[in-house]
N, C-alpha and C. Protein backbone atom coordinates (compact mmCIF):
# COMPACT_ATOMS: atom_id res chain seq x y z
N MET A 1 -42.94 -23.11 19.59
CA MET A 1 -42.34 -21.84 19.28
C MET A 1 -40.83 -21.99 19.31
N GLY A 2 -40.15 -21.40 18.35
CA GLY A 2 -38.69 -21.49 18.25
C GLY A 2 -37.99 -20.66 19.30
N ARG A 3 -36.71 -20.90 19.44
CA ARG A 3 -35.95 -20.14 20.42
C ARG A 3 -35.66 -18.73 19.90
N LEU A 4 -35.33 -17.84 20.81
CA LEU A 4 -35.03 -16.46 20.44
C LEU A 4 -33.74 -16.38 19.64
N LEU A 5 -33.73 -15.50 18.68
CA LEU A 5 -32.50 -15.24 17.93
C LEU A 5 -31.62 -14.33 18.77
N LYS A 6 -30.30 -14.39 18.53
CA LYS A 6 -29.37 -13.55 19.29
C LYS A 6 -29.73 -12.07 19.17
N ILE A 7 -30.16 -11.66 17.99
CA ILE A 7 -30.52 -10.25 17.79
C ILE A 7 -31.70 -9.86 18.67
N GLU A 8 -32.62 -10.78 18.88
CA GLU A 8 -33.79 -10.48 19.71
C GLU A 8 -33.42 -10.29 21.18
N MET A 9 -32.24 -10.73 21.56
CA MET A 9 -31.80 -10.59 22.95
C MET A 9 -30.98 -9.32 23.19
N LEU A 10 -30.72 -8.56 22.13
CA LEU A 10 -29.95 -7.32 22.25
C LEU A 10 -30.81 -6.25 22.91
N PRO A 11 -30.18 -5.19 23.43
CA PRO A 11 -30.95 -4.08 24.00
C PRO A 11 -31.89 -3.48 22.95
N GLU A 12 -33.00 -2.95 23.40
CA GLU A 12 -34.03 -2.42 22.51
C GLU A 12 -33.49 -1.37 21.53
N ALA A 13 -32.63 -0.48 22.00
CA ALA A 13 -32.09 0.57 21.13
C ALA A 13 -31.32 -0.04 19.96
N GLU A 14 -30.59 -1.11 20.21
CA GLU A 14 -29.84 -1.76 19.14
C GLU A 14 -30.77 -2.48 18.18
N ARG A 15 -31.82 -3.12 18.71
CA ARG A 15 -32.79 -3.80 17.84
C ARG A 15 -33.51 -2.80 16.94
N ILE A 16 -33.82 -1.63 17.48
CA ILE A 16 -34.48 -0.59 16.68
C ILE A 16 -33.56 -0.15 15.55
N ALA A 17 -32.27 0.03 15.85
CA ALA A 17 -31.30 0.43 14.82
C ALA A 17 -31.16 -0.67 13.77
N ILE A 18 -31.17 -1.92 14.19
CA ILE A 18 -31.07 -3.05 13.26
C ILE A 18 -32.29 -3.09 12.36
N ASP A 19 -33.48 -2.97 12.95
CA ASP A 19 -34.72 -2.98 12.16
C ASP A 19 -34.71 -1.84 11.14
N ARG A 20 -34.30 -0.67 11.57
CA ARG A 20 -34.26 0.49 10.67
C ARG A 20 -33.31 0.24 9.50
N SER A 21 -32.14 -0.29 9.79
CA SER A 21 -31.16 -0.55 8.73
C SER A 21 -31.67 -1.61 7.76
N ILE A 22 -32.29 -2.65 8.28
CA ILE A 22 -32.84 -3.70 7.42
C ILE A 22 -33.90 -3.13 6.49
N ARG A 23 -34.79 -2.32 7.04
CA ARG A 23 -35.86 -1.74 6.23
C ARG A 23 -35.31 -0.74 5.21
N GLU A 24 -34.31 0.03 5.60
CA GLU A 24 -33.70 0.99 4.67
C GLU A 24 -33.06 0.26 3.48
N HIS A 25 -32.53 -0.93 3.73
CA HIS A 25 -31.92 -1.73 2.67
C HIS A 25 -32.93 -2.69 2.04
N ARG A 26 -34.20 -2.52 2.36
CA ARG A 26 -35.31 -3.28 1.79
C ARG A 26 -35.13 -4.79 1.93
N TYR A 27 -34.64 -5.20 3.12
CA TYR A 27 -34.48 -6.61 3.49
C TYR A 27 -33.44 -7.34 2.63
N MET A 28 -32.60 -6.61 1.92
CA MET A 28 -31.58 -7.21 1.06
C MET A 28 -30.21 -6.64 1.42
N LEU A 29 -29.21 -7.07 0.71
CA LEU A 29 -27.84 -6.56 0.84
C LEU A 29 -27.30 -6.71 2.27
N LEU A 30 -27.24 -7.96 2.71
CA LEU A 30 -26.80 -8.24 4.07
C LEU A 30 -25.43 -7.64 4.39
N ASP A 31 -24.50 -7.70 3.45
CA ASP A 31 -23.17 -7.16 3.71
C ASP A 31 -23.23 -5.66 3.99
N GLU A 32 -24.09 -4.96 3.26
CA GLU A 32 -24.23 -3.52 3.49
C GLU A 32 -24.91 -3.24 4.83
N ILE A 33 -25.86 -4.07 5.20
CA ILE A 33 -26.51 -3.91 6.51
C ILE A 33 -25.49 -4.13 7.62
N VAL A 34 -24.68 -5.19 7.49
CA VAL A 34 -23.65 -5.47 8.50
C VAL A 34 -22.68 -4.29 8.60
N ALA A 35 -22.26 -3.73 7.44
CA ALA A 35 -21.34 -2.59 7.44
C ALA A 35 -21.99 -1.38 8.10
N ASP A 36 -23.25 -1.14 7.81
CA ASP A 36 -23.99 -0.02 8.40
C ASP A 36 -24.06 -0.17 9.92
N LEU A 37 -24.38 -1.38 10.37
CA LEU A 37 -24.49 -1.63 11.81
C LEU A 37 -23.13 -1.54 12.50
N THR A 38 -22.09 -2.04 11.85
CA THR A 38 -20.74 -1.96 12.41
C THR A 38 -20.34 -0.50 12.59
N ALA A 39 -20.70 0.35 11.63
CA ALA A 39 -20.40 1.79 11.73
C ALA A 39 -21.13 2.42 12.92
N GLN A 40 -22.23 1.80 13.32
CA GLN A 40 -22.99 2.31 14.47
C GLN A 40 -22.55 1.65 15.78
N GLY A 41 -21.55 0.77 15.68
CA GLY A 41 -21.03 0.10 16.87
C GLY A 41 -21.82 -1.14 17.26
N ILE A 42 -22.60 -1.68 16.34
CA ILE A 42 -23.40 -2.88 16.61
C ILE A 42 -22.79 -4.03 15.83
N THR A 43 -22.42 -5.09 16.53
CA THR A 43 -21.80 -6.24 15.89
C THR A 43 -22.80 -7.39 15.84
N VAL A 44 -23.10 -7.84 14.62
CA VAL A 44 -23.98 -8.99 14.45
C VAL A 44 -23.38 -9.89 13.37
N GLY A 45 -23.59 -11.18 13.53
CA GLY A 45 -23.12 -12.12 12.53
C GLY A 45 -24.04 -12.12 11.31
N ARG A 46 -23.45 -12.41 10.17
CA ARG A 46 -24.20 -12.39 8.92
C ARG A 46 -25.32 -13.43 8.92
N SER A 47 -25.05 -14.65 9.39
CA SER A 47 -26.08 -15.69 9.38
C SER A 47 -27.18 -15.38 10.38
N SER A 48 -26.82 -14.83 11.53
CA SER A 48 -27.82 -14.43 12.52
C SER A 48 -28.69 -13.31 11.95
N LEU A 49 -28.04 -12.39 11.26
CA LEU A 49 -28.78 -11.28 10.64
C LEU A 49 -29.73 -11.82 9.58
N HIS A 50 -29.29 -12.78 8.79
CA HIS A 50 -30.15 -13.35 7.75
C HIS A 50 -31.41 -13.97 8.36
N ARG A 51 -31.24 -14.76 9.43
CA ARG A 51 -32.40 -15.37 10.08
C ARG A 51 -33.34 -14.30 10.61
N TYR A 52 -32.79 -13.22 11.15
CA TYR A 52 -33.61 -12.14 11.69
C TYR A 52 -34.32 -11.38 10.57
N VAL A 53 -33.65 -11.17 9.44
CA VAL A 53 -34.27 -10.47 8.30
C VAL A 53 -35.50 -11.24 7.83
N VAL A 54 -35.40 -12.55 7.73
CA VAL A 54 -36.53 -13.38 7.30
C VAL A 54 -37.70 -13.20 8.25
N LYS A 55 -37.42 -13.23 9.54
CA LYS A 55 -38.46 -13.10 10.56
C LYS A 55 -39.08 -11.70 10.52
N LEU A 56 -38.25 -10.67 10.38
CA LEU A 56 -38.75 -9.29 10.34
C LEU A 56 -39.59 -9.06 9.10
N ARG A 57 -39.17 -9.59 7.97
CA ARG A 57 -39.94 -9.43 6.73
C ARG A 57 -41.33 -10.04 6.89
N GLU A 58 -41.41 -11.23 7.49
CA GLU A 58 -42.70 -11.88 7.71
C GLU A 58 -43.58 -11.05 8.64
N LYS A 59 -42.97 -10.52 9.69
CA LYS A 59 -43.71 -9.69 10.63
C LYS A 59 -44.21 -8.41 9.95
N ASP A 60 -43.34 -7.76 9.19
CA ASP A 60 -43.71 -6.51 8.52
C ASP A 60 -44.79 -6.72 7.47
N ALA A 61 -44.85 -7.91 6.89
CA ALA A 61 -45.86 -8.19 5.86
C ALA A 61 -47.26 -8.14 6.43
N THR A 62 -47.39 -8.35 7.74
CA THR A 62 -48.72 -8.33 8.35
C THR A 62 -49.14 -6.95 8.82
N LEU A 63 -48.24 -5.98 8.71
CA LEU A 63 -48.57 -4.63 9.16
C LEU A 63 -49.16 -3.82 8.01
N ALA A 64 -50.10 -2.97 8.32
CA ALA A 64 -50.71 -2.11 7.30
C ALA A 64 -50.25 -0.68 7.51
N THR A 65 -50.07 0.03 6.39
CA THR A 65 -49.77 1.45 6.46
C THR A 65 -51.08 2.18 6.72
N PRO A 66 -51.03 3.47 7.10
CA PRO A 66 -52.28 4.19 7.39
C PRO A 66 -53.29 4.15 6.24
N GLU A 67 -52.80 4.20 4.99
CA GLU A 67 -53.75 4.15 3.87
C GLU A 67 -54.26 2.74 3.62
N GLU A 68 -53.62 1.74 4.21
CA GLU A 68 -54.07 0.36 4.12
C GLU A 68 -54.60 -0.05 5.50
N GLY A 69 -55.72 0.52 5.85
CA GLY A 69 -56.23 0.35 7.21
C GLY A 69 -56.76 -1.02 7.56
N THR A 70 -56.97 -1.88 6.56
CA THR A 70 -57.54 -3.19 6.82
C THR A 70 -56.66 -4.26 6.17
N ILE A 71 -56.43 -5.33 6.90
CA ILE A 71 -55.70 -6.48 6.36
C ILE A 71 -56.66 -7.67 6.37
N VAL A 72 -56.82 -8.30 5.22
CA VAL A 72 -57.70 -9.45 5.10
C VAL A 72 -56.82 -10.68 4.88
N THR A 73 -57.04 -11.72 5.65
CA THR A 73 -56.32 -12.97 5.48
C THR A 73 -57.23 -13.95 4.76
N ILE A 74 -56.76 -14.47 3.64
CA ILE A 74 -57.54 -15.41 2.85
C ILE A 74 -56.85 -16.76 2.91
N VAL A 75 -57.61 -17.78 3.30
CA VAL A 75 -57.07 -19.14 3.36
C VAL A 75 -57.88 -20.00 2.39
N GLU A 76 -57.20 -20.54 1.39
CA GLU A 76 -57.83 -21.45 0.43
C GLU A 76 -57.88 -22.82 1.09
N ARG A 77 -59.07 -23.26 1.43
CA ARG A 77 -59.20 -24.50 2.19
C ARG A 77 -58.65 -25.71 1.44
N SER A 78 -58.86 -25.78 0.14
CA SER A 78 -58.44 -26.97 -0.60
C SER A 78 -56.92 -27.10 -0.69
N SER A 79 -56.21 -25.97 -0.80
CA SER A 79 -54.76 -26.05 -0.97
C SER A 79 -53.98 -25.62 0.28
N GLY A 80 -54.65 -24.91 1.17
CA GLY A 80 -53.97 -24.39 2.35
C GLY A 80 -53.20 -23.11 2.08
N GLU A 81 -53.32 -22.58 0.85
CA GLU A 81 -52.62 -21.34 0.50
C GLU A 81 -53.19 -20.19 1.33
N VAL A 82 -52.28 -19.36 1.83
CA VAL A 82 -52.67 -18.20 2.63
C VAL A 82 -52.20 -16.93 1.92
N ARG A 83 -53.10 -15.96 1.79
CA ARG A 83 -52.75 -14.67 1.18
C ARG A 83 -53.21 -13.56 2.10
N LEU A 84 -52.42 -12.50 2.14
CA LEU A 84 -52.80 -11.29 2.87
C LEU A 84 -53.13 -10.22 1.85
N VAL A 85 -54.25 -9.54 2.06
CA VAL A 85 -54.64 -8.44 1.19
C VAL A 85 -54.76 -7.20 2.07
N LYS A 86 -54.04 -6.15 1.71
CA LYS A 86 -54.10 -4.89 2.44
C LYS A 86 -54.96 -3.94 1.63
N THR A 87 -55.89 -3.26 2.29
CA THR A 87 -56.81 -2.39 1.58
C THR A 87 -57.19 -1.18 2.41
N ALA A 88 -57.62 -0.13 1.72
CA ALA A 88 -58.12 1.06 2.41
C ALA A 88 -59.59 0.91 2.78
N ALA A 89 -60.25 -0.12 2.24
CA ALA A 89 -61.65 -0.36 2.55
C ALA A 89 -61.79 -0.72 4.03
N SER A 90 -62.91 -0.35 4.61
CA SER A 90 -63.13 -0.67 6.02
C SER A 90 -63.42 -2.15 6.19
N ALA A 91 -63.22 -2.64 7.39
CA ALA A 91 -63.51 -4.04 7.68
C ALA A 91 -64.99 -4.32 7.44
N GLU A 92 -65.83 -3.38 7.79
CA GLU A 92 -67.28 -3.55 7.59
C GLU A 92 -67.61 -3.69 6.10
N ALA A 93 -66.98 -2.86 5.26
CA ALA A 93 -67.24 -2.94 3.81
C ALA A 93 -66.79 -4.28 3.25
N ILE A 94 -65.65 -4.77 3.69
CA ILE A 94 -65.15 -6.07 3.24
C ILE A 94 -66.10 -7.18 3.68
N ALA A 95 -66.53 -7.13 4.93
CA ALA A 95 -67.45 -8.15 5.44
C ALA A 95 -68.77 -8.13 4.67
N THR A 96 -69.25 -6.94 4.35
CA THR A 96 -70.50 -6.83 3.59
C THR A 96 -70.34 -7.46 2.21
N LEU A 97 -69.22 -7.17 1.55
CA LEU A 97 -68.97 -7.77 0.24
C LEU A 97 -68.92 -9.30 0.32
N ILE A 98 -68.28 -9.80 1.32
CA ILE A 98 -68.17 -11.25 1.47
C ILE A 98 -69.54 -11.87 1.74
N MET A 99 -70.32 -11.23 2.59
CA MET A 99 -71.64 -11.77 2.94
C MET A 99 -72.62 -11.72 1.77
N THR A 100 -72.44 -10.80 0.84
CA THR A 100 -73.35 -10.69 -0.31
C THR A 100 -72.91 -11.55 -1.47
N PHE A 101 -71.74 -12.16 -1.36
CA PHE A 101 -71.24 -13.01 -2.44
C PHE A 101 -72.05 -14.29 -2.53
N ARG A 102 -72.40 -14.64 -3.73
CA ARG A 102 -73.08 -15.90 -3.98
C ARG A 102 -72.13 -16.76 -4.81
N PRO A 103 -71.88 -18.00 -4.41
CA PRO A 103 -70.90 -18.85 -5.11
C PRO A 103 -71.09 -18.94 -6.62
N ASN A 104 -72.31 -18.91 -7.09
CA ASN A 104 -72.55 -19.04 -8.53
C ASN A 104 -72.55 -17.70 -9.25
N ARG A 105 -72.38 -16.61 -8.49
CA ARG A 105 -72.40 -15.29 -9.10
C ARG A 105 -71.25 -14.47 -8.52
N PRO A 106 -70.24 -14.16 -9.32
CA PRO A 106 -69.09 -13.39 -8.80
C PRO A 106 -69.48 -11.97 -8.44
N ILE A 107 -68.71 -11.40 -7.52
CA ILE A 107 -68.91 -9.99 -7.14
C ILE A 107 -68.49 -9.12 -8.30
N SER A 108 -69.34 -8.14 -8.65
CA SER A 108 -68.94 -7.23 -9.74
C SER A 108 -68.39 -5.94 -9.21
C-alpha cells in the first residue's frame, strides 16, 4: 500500500471541501480547483492535488448512485481487463442471469 498523500492528512473538514470542489469541477481544471480552495483558505500544491484527483476519481468510480443500486465487477480472465457495470437491477437478478447463461447460447 502506498503512503498517504498530504491532502489525506488534512483535517476532515478541509478534505470534504477539497472533494466537493474536485467533483464540482468534474475532476478537471486543476488551476480552477486550486483557486477555489485558496478562496476558502485551503492551500494545496497543484501536483499533490493532481495525485489526489486521480485517487478520488478511482474511488468514486466504484460508488453507485441510488438508481444504480448494484455494481458488477467483470474480470476478463484471458486479458486481465476489469470493467465495472452499474445497474438498477438487483444483485439477485444479475446472479440469476449469469447462472442461466450457457456459453454456446447468448443471453437474450
